[in-house]
PDB file of all heavy atoms in Angstrom:
ATOM      1  N   CYS A   1     -12.170   2.369  -2.387  1.00  0.00           N
ATOM      2  CA  CYS A   1     -12.165   1.893  -3.808  1.00  0.00           C
ATOM      3  C   CYS A   1     -10.675   1.463  -4.185  1.00  0.00           C
ATOM      4  O   CYS A   1     -10.517   0.548  -4.976  1.00  0.00           O
ATOM      5  CB  CYS A   1     -12.577   2.958  -4.792  1.00  0.00           C
ATOM      6  SG  CYS A   1     -14.391   3.342  -4.805  1.00  0.00           S
ATOM      7  N   VAL A   2      -9.734   2.257  -3.590  1.00  0.00           N
ATOM      8  CA  VAL A   2      -8.375   1.993  -4.014  1.00  0.00           C
ATOM      9  C   VAL A   2      -7.371   1.753  -2.818  1.00  0.00           C
ATOM     10  O   VAL A   2      -6.183   1.545  -3.103  1.00  0.00           O
ATOM     11  CB  VAL A   2      -7.851   3.277  -4.734  1.00  0.00           C
ATOM     12  CG1 VAL A   2      -8.659   3.492  -6.103  1.00  0.00           C
ATOM     13  CG2 VAL A   2      -7.952   4.472  -3.928  1.00  0.00           C
ATOM     14  N   SER A   3      -7.885   1.687  -1.610  1.00  0.00           N
ATOM     15  CA  SER A   3      -6.962   1.494  -0.447  1.00  0.00           C
ATOM     16  C   SER A   3      -7.726   0.786   0.690  1.00  0.00           C
ATOM     17  O   SER A   3      -8.961   0.759   0.665  1.00  0.00           O
ATOM     18  CB  SER A   3      -6.365   2.747  -0.102  1.00  0.00           C
ATOM     19  OG  SER A   3      -7.356   3.675   0.450  1.00  0.00           O
ATOM     20  N   THR A   4      -6.884   0.278   1.617  1.00  0.00           N
ATOM     21  CA  THR A   4      -7.469  -0.281   2.853  1.00  0.00           C
ATOM     22  C   THR A   4      -6.694   0.322   4.022  1.00  0.00           C
ATOM     23  O   THR A   4      -5.564   0.774   3.930  1.00  0.00           O
ATOM     24  CB  THR A   4      -7.214  -1.781   2.943  1.00  0.00           C
ATOM     25  OG1 THR A   4      -5.885  -2.054   2.700  1.00  0.00           O
ATOM     26  CG2 THR A   4      -7.983  -2.432   1.731  1.00  0.00           C
ATOM     27  N   PRO A   5      -7.331   0.432   5.165  1.00  0.00           N
ATOM     28  CA  PRO A   5      -6.708   0.937   6.370  1.00  0.00           C
ATOM     29  C   PRO A   5      -5.445   0.168   6.725  1.00  0.00           C
ATOM     30  O   PRO A   5      -5.529  -1.041   6.595  1.00  0.00           O
ATOM     31  CB  PRO A   5      -7.724   0.836   7.447  1.00  0.00           C
ATOM     32  CG  PRO A   5      -9.063   0.875   6.698  1.00  0.00           C
ATOM     33  CD  PRO A   5      -8.716  -0.009   5.493  1.00  0.00           C
ATOM     34  N   SER A   6      -4.401   0.792   7.128  1.00  0.00           N
ATOM     35  CA  SER A   6      -3.168   0.009   7.585  1.00  0.00           C
ATOM     36  C   SER A   6      -3.243  -0.181   9.064  1.00  0.00           C
ATOM     37  O   SER A   6      -3.692   0.595   9.898  1.00  0.00           O
ATOM     38  CB  SER A   6      -1.972   0.962   7.257  1.00  0.00           C
ATOM     39  OG  SER A   6      -0.816   0.275   7.869  1.00  0.00           O
ATOM     40  N   PRO A   7      -2.875  -1.452   9.411  1.00  0.00           N
ATOM     41  CA  PRO A   7      -2.884  -1.767  10.850  1.00  0.00           C
ATOM     42  C   PRO A   7      -1.780  -1.071  11.696  1.00  0.00           C
ATOM     43  O   PRO A   7      -1.864  -0.941  12.916  1.00  0.00           O
ATOM     44  CB  PRO A   7      -2.671  -3.230  10.916  1.00  0.00           C
ATOM     45  CG  PRO A   7      -1.954  -3.574   9.551  1.00  0.00           C
ATOM     46  CD  PRO A   7      -2.506  -2.543   8.627  1.00  0.00           C
ATOM     47  N   THR A   8      -0.737  -0.535  10.932  1.00  0.00           N
ATOM     48  CA  THR A   8       0.319   0.171  11.606  1.00  0.00           C
ATOM     49  C   THR A   8       0.569   1.559  10.976  1.00  0.00           C
ATOM     50  O   THR A   8       0.188   1.734   9.772  1.00  0.00           O
ATOM     51  CB  THR A   8       1.675  -0.683  11.467  1.00  0.00           C
ATOM     52  OG1 THR A   8       1.948  -0.822  10.024  1.00  0.00           O
ATOM     53  CG2 THR A   8       1.517  -1.983  12.131  1.00  0.00           C
ATOM     54  N   PRO A   9       1.009   2.487  11.700  1.00  0.00           N
ATOM     55  CA  PRO A   9       1.278   3.800  11.164  1.00  0.00           C
ATOM     56  C   PRO A   9       2.357   3.782  10.052  1.00  0.00           C
ATOM     57  O   PRO A   9       3.220   2.924  10.002  1.00  0.00           O
ATOM     58  CB  PRO A   9       1.847   4.548  12.342  1.00  0.00           C
ATOM     59  CG  PRO A   9       1.421   3.844  13.650  1.00  0.00           C
ATOM     60  CD  PRO A   9       1.512   2.344  13.201  1.00  0.00           C
ATOM     61  N   CYS A  10       2.272   4.706   9.079  1.00  0.00           N
ATOM     62  CA  CYS A  10       3.258   4.871   8.052  1.00  0.00           C
ATOM     63  C   CYS A  10       3.336   6.369   7.739  1.00  0.00           C
ATOM     64  O   CYS A  10       2.777   6.770   6.718  1.00  0.00           O
ATOM     65  CB  CYS A  10       2.966   4.053   6.887  1.00  0.00           C
ATOM     66  SG  CYS A  10       1.266   4.018   6.258  1.00  0.00           S
ATOM     67  N   ASP A  11       3.964   7.194   8.599  1.00  0.00           N
ATOM     68  CA  ASP A  11       4.095   8.535   8.406  1.00  0.00           C
ATOM     69  C   ASP A  11       4.995   8.891   7.170  1.00  0.00           C
ATOM     70  O   ASP A  11       4.845   9.985   6.530  1.00  0.00           O
ATOM     71  CB  ASP A  11       4.725   9.150   9.641  1.00  0.00           C
ATOM     72  CG  ASP A  11       3.759   8.997  10.895  1.00  0.00           C
ATOM     73  OD1 ASP A  11       2.566   8.998  10.620  1.00  0.00           O
ATOM     74  OD2 ASP A  11       4.288   8.999  11.934  1.00  0.00           O
ATOM     75  N   THR A  12       5.882   8.041   6.836  1.00  0.00           N
ATOM     76  CA  THR A  12       6.589   8.130   5.647  1.00  0.00           C
ATOM     77  C   THR A  12       6.342   6.887   4.759  1.00  0.00           C
ATOM     78  O   THR A  12       5.901   5.822   5.187  1.00  0.00           O
ATOM     79  CB  THR A  12       8.177   8.087   5.898  1.00  0.00           C
ATOM     80  OG1 THR A  12       8.466   6.930   6.528  1.00  0.00           O
ATOM     81  CG2 THR A  12       8.496   9.324   6.675  1.00  0.00           C
ATOM     82  N   PRO A  13       6.430   7.114   3.333  1.00  0.00           N
ATOM     83  CA  PRO A  13       5.956   6.031   2.475  1.00  0.00           C
ATOM     84  C   PRO A  13       6.727   4.675   2.726  1.00  0.00           C
ATOM     85  O   PRO A  13       7.923   4.780   2.927  1.00  0.00           O
ATOM     86  CB  PRO A  13       6.240   6.559   1.016  1.00  0.00           C
ATOM     87  CG  PRO A  13       6.277   8.118   1.263  1.00  0.00           C
ATOM     88  CD  PRO A  13       6.780   8.237   2.660  1.00  0.00           C
ATOM     89  N   THR A  14       5.950   3.617   2.804  1.00  0.00           N
ATOM     90  CA  THR A  14       6.664   2.297   3.095  1.00  0.00           C
ATOM     91  C   THR A  14       6.279   1.335   1.967  1.00  0.00           C
ATOM     92  O   THR A  14       5.035   1.014   1.761  1.00  0.00           O
ATOM     93  CB  THR A  14       6.152   1.679   4.428  1.00  0.00           C
ATOM     94  OG1 THR A  14       6.446   2.687   5.518  1.00  0.00           O
ATOM     95  CG2 THR A  14       6.938   0.458   4.675  1.00  0.00           C
ATOM     96  N   TYR A  15       7.239   0.963   1.154  1.00  0.00           N
ATOM     97  CA  TYR A  15       7.008   0.085  -0.028  1.00  0.00           C
ATOM     98  C   TYR A  15       7.409  -1.336   0.310  1.00  0.00           C
ATOM     99  O   TYR A  15       8.293  -1.595   1.180  1.00  0.00           O
ATOM    100  CB  TYR A  15       7.877   0.583  -1.212  1.00  0.00           C
ATOM    101  CG  TYR A  15       7.403   1.812  -1.872  1.00  0.00           C
ATOM    102  CD1 TYR A  15       7.972   3.104  -1.304  1.00  0.00           C
ATOM    103  CD2 TYR A  15       6.673   1.916  -2.938  1.00  0.00           C
ATOM    104  CE1 TYR A  15       7.627   4.242  -1.844  1.00  0.00           C
ATOM    105  CE2 TYR A  15       6.374   3.101  -3.556  1.00  0.00           C
ATOM    106  CZ  TYR A  15       6.843   4.261  -3.086  1.00  0.00           C
ATOM    107  OH  TYR A  15       6.507   5.545  -3.541  1.00  0.00           O
ATOM    108  N   ALA A  16       6.808  -2.314  -0.358  1.00  0.00           N
ATOM    109  CA  ALA A  16       7.136  -3.701  -0.254  1.00  0.00           C
ATOM    110  C   ALA A  16       6.663  -4.501  -1.442  1.00  0.00           C
ATOM    111  O   ALA A  16       5.718  -4.006  -2.111  1.00  0.00           O
ATOM    112  CB  ALA A  16       6.615  -4.309   1.039  1.00  0.00           C
ATOM    113  N   CYS A  17       7.247  -5.620  -1.704  1.00  0.00           N
ATOM    114  CA  CYS A  17       6.769  -6.472  -2.720  1.00  0.00           C
ATOM    115  C   CYS A  17       6.043  -7.710  -1.998  1.00  0.00           C
ATOM    116  O   CYS A  17       6.623  -8.303  -1.189  1.00  0.00           O
ATOM    117  CB  CYS A  17       7.904  -7.077  -3.570  1.00  0.00           C
ATOM    118  SG  CYS A  17       8.613  -5.900  -4.824  1.00  0.00           S
ATOM    119  N   ASP A  18       4.851  -7.908  -2.458  1.00  0.00           N
ATOM    120  CA  ASP A  18       4.191  -9.229  -2.022  1.00  0.00           C
ATOM    121  C   ASP A  18       3.964 -10.054  -3.147  1.00  0.00           C
ATOM    122  O   ASP A  18       3.019  -9.963  -3.969  1.00  0.00           O
ATOM    123  CB  ASP A  18       2.789  -8.857  -1.408  1.00  0.00           C
ATOM    124  CG  ASP A  18       2.011 -10.013  -0.905  1.00  0.00           C
ATOM    125  OD1 ASP A  18       2.547 -11.080  -0.900  1.00  0.00           O
ATOM    126  OD2 ASP A  18       0.811  -9.775  -0.617  1.00  0.00           O
ATOM    127  N   GLY A  19       4.975 -10.888  -3.526  1.00  0.00           N
ATOM    128  CA  GLY A  19       5.007 -11.585  -4.730  1.00  0.00           C
ATOM    129  C   GLY A  19       5.230 -10.605  -5.900  1.00  0.00           C
ATOM    130  O   GLY A  19       6.159  -9.747  -5.823  1.00  0.00           O
ATOM    131  N   ASP A  20       4.311 -10.521  -6.821  1.00  0.00           N
ATOM    132  CA  ASP A  20       4.395  -9.529  -7.910  1.00  0.00           C
ATOM    133  C   ASP A  20       3.386  -8.456  -7.756  1.00  0.00           C
ATOM    134  O   ASP A  20       2.804  -7.853  -8.652  1.00  0.00           O
ATOM    135  CB  ASP A  20       4.183 -10.237  -9.348  1.00  0.00           C
ATOM    136  CG  ASP A  20       5.573 -10.859  -9.783  1.00  0.00           C
ATOM    137  OD1 ASP A  20       6.669 -10.238  -9.379  1.00  0.00           O
ATOM    138  OD2 ASP A  20       5.570 -11.780 -10.568  1.00  0.00           O
ATOM    139  N   THR A  21       3.093  -8.218  -6.469  1.00  0.00           N
ATOM    140  CA  THR A  21       2.174  -7.102  -6.141  1.00  0.00           C
ATOM    141  C   THR A  21       2.962  -6.059  -5.408  1.00  0.00           C
ATOM    142  O   THR A  21       3.591  -6.388  -4.364  1.00  0.00           O
ATOM    143  CB  THR A  21       0.955  -7.504  -5.324  1.00  0.00           C
ATOM    144  OG1 THR A  21       0.206  -8.469  -6.135  1.00  0.00           O
ATOM    145  CG2 THR A  21       0.022  -6.353  -4.926  1.00  0.00           C
ATOM    146  N   VAL A  22       2.912  -4.791  -5.807  1.00  0.00           N
ATOM    147  CA  VAL A  22       3.440  -3.627  -5.017  1.00  0.00           C
ATOM    148  C   VAL A  22       2.523  -3.187  -3.968  1.00  0.00           C
ATOM    149  O   VAL A  22       1.335  -3.072  -4.265  1.00  0.00           O
ATOM    150  CB  VAL A  22       3.736  -2.479  -5.943  1.00  0.00           C
ATOM    151  CG1 VAL A  22       4.222  -1.234  -5.151  1.00  0.00           C
ATOM    152  CG2 VAL A  22       4.869  -2.882  -6.965  1.00  0.00           C
ATOM    153  N   THR A  23       2.991  -3.107  -2.739  1.00  0.00           N
ATOM    154  CA  THR A  23       2.184  -2.517  -1.641  1.00  0.00           C
ATOM    155  C   THR A  23       2.823  -1.150  -1.229  1.00  0.00           C
ATOM    156  O   THR A  23       4.022  -1.142  -1.166  1.00  0.00           O
ATOM    157  CB  THR A  23       2.099  -3.473  -0.510  1.00  0.00           C
ATOM    158  OG1 THR A  23       3.299  -3.680   0.088  1.00  0.00           O
ATOM    159  CG2 THR A  23       1.475  -4.761  -0.977  1.00  0.00           C
ATOM    160  N   LEU A  24       2.006  -0.186  -1.009  1.00  0.00           N
ATOM    161  CA  LEU A  24       2.505   1.069  -0.596  1.00  0.00           C
ATOM    162  C   LEU A  24       1.670   1.553   0.612  1.00  0.00           C
ATOM    163  O   LEU A  24       0.405   1.752   0.420  1.00  0.00           O
ATOM    164  CB  LEU A  24       2.518   2.147  -1.695  1.00  0.00           C
ATOM    165  CG  LEU A  24       2.646   3.648  -1.254  1.00  0.00           C
ATOM    166  CD1 LEU A  24       4.041   3.829  -0.559  1.00  0.00           C
ATOM    167  CD2 LEU A  24       2.481   4.524  -2.445  1.00  0.00           C
ATOM    168  N   CYS A  25       2.248   1.776   1.740  1.00  0.00           N
ATOM    169  CA  CYS A  25       1.519   2.380   2.868  1.00  0.00           C
ATOM    170  C   CYS A  25       1.904   3.842   3.026  1.00  0.00           C
ATOM    171  O   CYS A  25       3.091   4.154   3.005  1.00  0.00           O
ATOM    172  CB  CYS A  25       1.890   1.598   4.093  1.00  0.00           C
ATOM    173  SG  CYS A  25       1.009   2.153   5.638  1.00  0.00           S
ATOM    174  N   ASP A  26       0.960   4.641   3.021  1.00  0.00           N
ATOM    175  CA  ASP A  26       1.070   6.101   3.110  1.00  0.00           C
ATOM    176  C   ASP A  26      -0.043   6.826   3.781  1.00  0.00           C
ATOM    177  O   ASP A  26      -1.088   6.142   3.939  1.00  0.00           O
ATOM    178  CB  ASP A  26       1.344   6.668   1.649  1.00  0.00           C
ATOM    179  CG  ASP A  26       2.222   7.982   1.729  1.00  0.00           C
ATOM    180  OD1 ASP A  26       2.413   8.583   2.817  1.00  0.00           O
ATOM    181  OD2 ASP A  26       2.601   8.437   0.566  1.00  0.00           O
ATOM    182  N   SER A  27       0.097   8.044   4.145  1.00  0.00           N
ATOM    183  CA  SER A  27      -0.997   8.806   4.846  1.00  0.00           C
ATOM    184  C   SER A  27      -1.908   9.391   3.968  1.00  0.00           C
ATOM    185  O   SER A  27      -1.798  10.667   3.640  1.00  0.00           O
ATOM    186  CB  SER A  27      -0.365   9.760   5.839  1.00  0.00           C
ATOM    187  OG  SER A  27       0.541   9.117   6.757  1.00  0.00           O
ATOM    188  N   PHE A  28      -2.847   8.632   3.380  1.00  0.00           N
ATOM    189  CA  PHE A  28      -3.911   9.283   2.523  1.00  0.00           C
ATOM    190  C   PHE A  28      -4.961  10.050   3.311  1.00  0.00           C
ATOM    191  O   PHE A  28      -5.285  11.136   3.030  1.00  0.00           O
ATOM    192  CB  PHE A  28      -4.573   8.168   1.705  1.00  0.00           C
ATOM    193  CG  PHE A  28      -3.680   7.541   0.626  1.00  0.00           C
ATOM    194  CD1 PHE A  28      -2.435   7.797   0.520  1.00  0.00           C
ATOM    195  CD2 PHE A  28      -4.341   6.643  -0.249  1.00  0.00           C
ATOM    196  CE1 PHE A  28      -1.669   7.234  -0.425  1.00  0.00           C
ATOM    197  CE2 PHE A  28      -3.609   6.061  -1.182  1.00  0.00           C
ATOM    198  CZ  PHE A  28      -2.271   6.335  -1.366  1.00  0.00           C
ATOM    199  N   ALA A  29      -5.440   9.346   4.306  1.00  0.00           N
ATOM    200  CA  ALA A  29      -6.399   9.905   5.269  1.00  0.00           C
ATOM    201  C   ALA A  29      -6.232   8.952   6.377  1.00  0.00           C
ATOM    202  O   ALA A  29      -7.074   8.148   6.688  1.00  0.00           O
ATOM    203  CB  ALA A  29      -7.867   9.854   4.636  1.00  0.00           C
ATOM    204  N   GLY A  30      -5.250   9.230   7.176  1.00  0.00           N
ATOM    205  CA  GLY A  30      -4.808   8.204   8.060  1.00  0.00           C
ATOM    206  C   GLY A  30      -3.888   7.200   7.321  1.00  0.00           C
ATOM    207  O   GLY A  30      -3.836   7.415   6.165  1.00  0.00           O
ATOM    208  N   ALA A  31      -3.311   6.292   7.984  1.00  0.00           N
ATOM    209  CA  ALA A  31      -2.494   5.351   7.283  1.00  0.00           C
ATOM    210  C   ALA A  31      -3.276   4.408   6.457  1.00  0.00           C
ATOM    211  O   ALA A  31      -4.166   3.764   6.946  1.00  0.00           O
ATOM    212  CB  ALA A  31      -1.577   4.510   8.309  1.00  0.00           C
ATOM    213  N   ARG A  32      -2.919   4.268   5.122  1.00  0.00           N
ATOM    214  CA  ARG A  32      -3.742   3.521   4.226  1.00  0.00           C
ATOM    215  C   ARG A  32      -2.673   2.744   3.344  1.00  0.00           C
ATOM    216  O   ARG A  32      -1.677   3.318   3.035  1.00  0.00           O
ATOM    217  CB  ARG A  32      -4.723   4.149   3.428  1.00  0.00           C
ATOM    218  CG  ARG A  32      -5.797   4.856   4.369  1.00  0.00           C
ATOM    219  CD  ARG A  32      -7.010   5.453   3.536  1.00  0.00           C
ATOM    220  NE  ARG A  32      -7.779   4.413   2.947  1.00  0.00           N
ATOM    221  CZ  ARG A  32      -8.837   3.859   3.543  1.00  0.00           C
ATOM    222  NH1 ARG A  32      -9.195   4.219   4.770  1.00  0.00           N
ATOM    223  NH2 ARG A  32      -9.622   2.943   2.949  1.00  0.00           N
ATOM    224  N   VAL A  33      -3.226   1.610   2.796  1.00  0.00           N
ATOM    225  CA  VAL A  33      -2.305   0.778   1.905  1.00  0.00           C
ATOM    226  C   VAL A  33      -2.953   0.691   0.543  1.00  0.00           C
ATOM    227  O   VAL A  33      -4.265   0.422   0.435  1.00  0.00           O
ATOM    228  CB  VAL A  33      -2.167  -0.607   2.500  1.00  0.00           C
ATOM    229  CG1 VAL A  33      -1.247  -1.430   1.503  1.00  0.00           C
ATOM    230  CG2 VAL A  33      -1.377  -0.563   3.827  1.00  0.00           C
ATOM    231  N   VAL A  34      -2.181   0.955  -0.554  1.00  0.00           N
ATOM    232  CA  VAL A  34      -2.668   0.715  -1.881  1.00  0.00           C
ATOM    233  C   VAL A  34      -1.871  -0.429  -2.563  1.00  0.00           C
ATOM    234  O   VAL A  34      -0.626  -0.663  -2.085  1.00  0.00           O
ATOM    235  CB  VAL A  34      -2.587   1.969  -2.801  1.00  0.00           C
ATOM    236  CG1 VAL A  34      -3.533   2.982  -2.233  1.00  0.00           C
ATOM    237  CG2 VAL A  34      -1.128   2.476  -2.816  1.00  0.00           C
ATOM    238  N   ARG A  35      -2.362  -1.106  -3.383  1.00  0.00           N
ATOM    239  CA  ARG A  35      -1.703  -2.319  -4.056  1.00  0.00           C
ATOM    240  C   ARG A  35      -1.758  -2.125  -5.649  1.00  0.00           C
ATOM    241  O   ARG A  35      -2.795  -1.675  -6.126  1.00  0.00           O
ATOM    242  CB  ARG A  35      -2.314  -3.601  -3.619  1.00  0.00           C
ATOM    243  CG  ARG A  35      -2.124  -3.883  -2.137  1.00  0.00           C
ATOM    244  CD  ARG A  35      -2.757  -5.166  -1.743  1.00  0.00           C
ATOM    245  NE  ARG A  35      -2.502  -5.597  -0.368  1.00  0.00           N
ATOM    246  CZ  ARG A  35      -3.008  -4.899   0.708  1.00  0.00           C
ATOM    247  NH1 ARG A  35      -3.942  -4.061   0.583  1.00  0.00           N
ATOM    248  NH2 ARG A  35      -2.674  -5.420   1.896  1.00  0.00           N
ATOM    249  N   GLU A  36      -0.748  -2.563  -6.268  1.00  0.00           N
ATOM    250  CA  GLU A  36      -0.685  -2.654  -7.780  1.00  0.00           C
ATOM    251  C   GLU A  36      -0.306  -3.987  -8.230  1.00  0.00           C
ATOM    252  O   GLU A  36       0.771  -4.445  -7.784  1.00  0.00           O
ATOM    253  CB  GLU A  36       0.240  -1.522  -8.298  1.00  0.00           C
ATOM    254  CG  GLU A  36       0.175  -1.506  -9.847  1.00  0.00           C
ATOM    255  CD  GLU A  36       1.090  -0.482 -10.439  1.00  0.00           C
ATOM    256  OE1 GLU A  36       1.847   0.295  -9.613  1.00  0.00           O
ATOM    257  OE2 GLU A  36       1.249  -0.301 -11.616  1.00  0.00           O
ATOM    258  N   ASP A  37      -1.109  -4.650  -8.991  1.00  0.00           N
ATOM    259  CA  ASP A  37      -0.883  -5.956  -9.466  1.00  0.00           C
ATOM    260  C   ASP A  37       0.070  -5.916 -10.751  1.00  0.00           C
ATOM    261  O   ASP A  37      -0.479  -5.669 -11.791  1.00  0.00           O
ATOM    262  CB  ASP A  37      -2.207  -6.627  -9.866  1.00  0.00           C
ATOM    263  CG  ASP A  37      -2.024  -8.116 -10.198  1.00  0.00           C
ATOM    264  OD1 ASP A  37      -0.884  -8.624 -10.261  1.00  0.00           O
ATOM    265  OD2 ASP A  37      -2.951  -8.778 -10.569  1.00  0.00           O
ATOM    266  N   CYS A  38       1.359  -6.031 -10.492  1.00  0.00           N
ATOM    267  CA  CYS A  38       2.303  -6.053 -11.594  1.00  0.00           C
ATOM    268  C   CYS A  38       2.112  -7.114 -12.642  1.00  0.00           C
ATOM    269  O   CYS A  38       2.202  -6.964 -13.850  1.00  0.00           O
ATOM    270  CB  CYS A  38       3.701  -6.066 -11.037  1.00  0.00           C
ATOM    271  SG  CYS A  38       4.077  -4.789  -9.859  1.00  0.00           S
ATOM    272  N   ALA A  39       1.680  -8.319 -12.018  1.00  0.00           N
ATOM    273  CA  ALA A  39       1.563  -9.542 -12.932  1.00  0.00           C
ATOM    274  C   ALA A  39       0.483  -9.316 -13.989  1.00  0.00           C
ATOM    275  O   ALA A  39       0.560  -9.713 -15.115  1.00  0.00           O
ATOM    276  CB  ALA A  39       1.248 -10.784 -12.087  1.00  0.00           C
ATOM    277  N   ALA A  40      -0.486  -8.550 -13.622  1.00  0.00           N
ATOM    278  CA  ALA A  40      -1.691  -8.180 -14.497  1.00  0.00           C
ATOM    279  C   ALA A  40      -1.158  -7.364 -15.701  1.00  0.00           C
ATOM    280  O   ALA A  40      -1.819  -7.358 -16.767  1.00  0.00           O
ATOM    281  CB  ALA A  40      -2.728  -7.454 -13.843  1.00  0.00           C
ATOM    282  N   GLU A  41      -0.033  -6.705 -15.581  1.00  0.00           N
ATOM    283  CA  GLU A  41       0.593  -5.846 -16.662  1.00  0.00           C
ATOM    284  C   GLU A  41       1.661  -6.650 -17.305  1.00  0.00           C
ATOM    285  O   GLU A  41       2.450  -6.082 -18.230  1.00  0.00           O
ATOM    286  CB  GLU A  41       1.060  -4.574 -16.056  1.00  0.00           C
ATOM    287  CG  GLU A  41       0.007  -3.764 -15.362  1.00  0.00           C
ATOM    288  CD  GLU A  41       0.617  -2.532 -14.683  1.00  0.00           C
ATOM    289  OE1 GLU A  41       1.216  -1.737 -15.392  1.00  0.00           O
ATOM    290  OE2 GLU A  41       0.510  -2.392 -13.376  1.00  0.00           O
TER     291      GLU A  41
END
């Protein structure tokens, strides 16, 4: 519902900007990525 599996490991939090979307890769249940649409706000 809120994340997708990451193709690469991220044992420590890894942040990035994809345009005006924040992406965060972290170990939720294995490496997973969540996104936040900043532009929508």
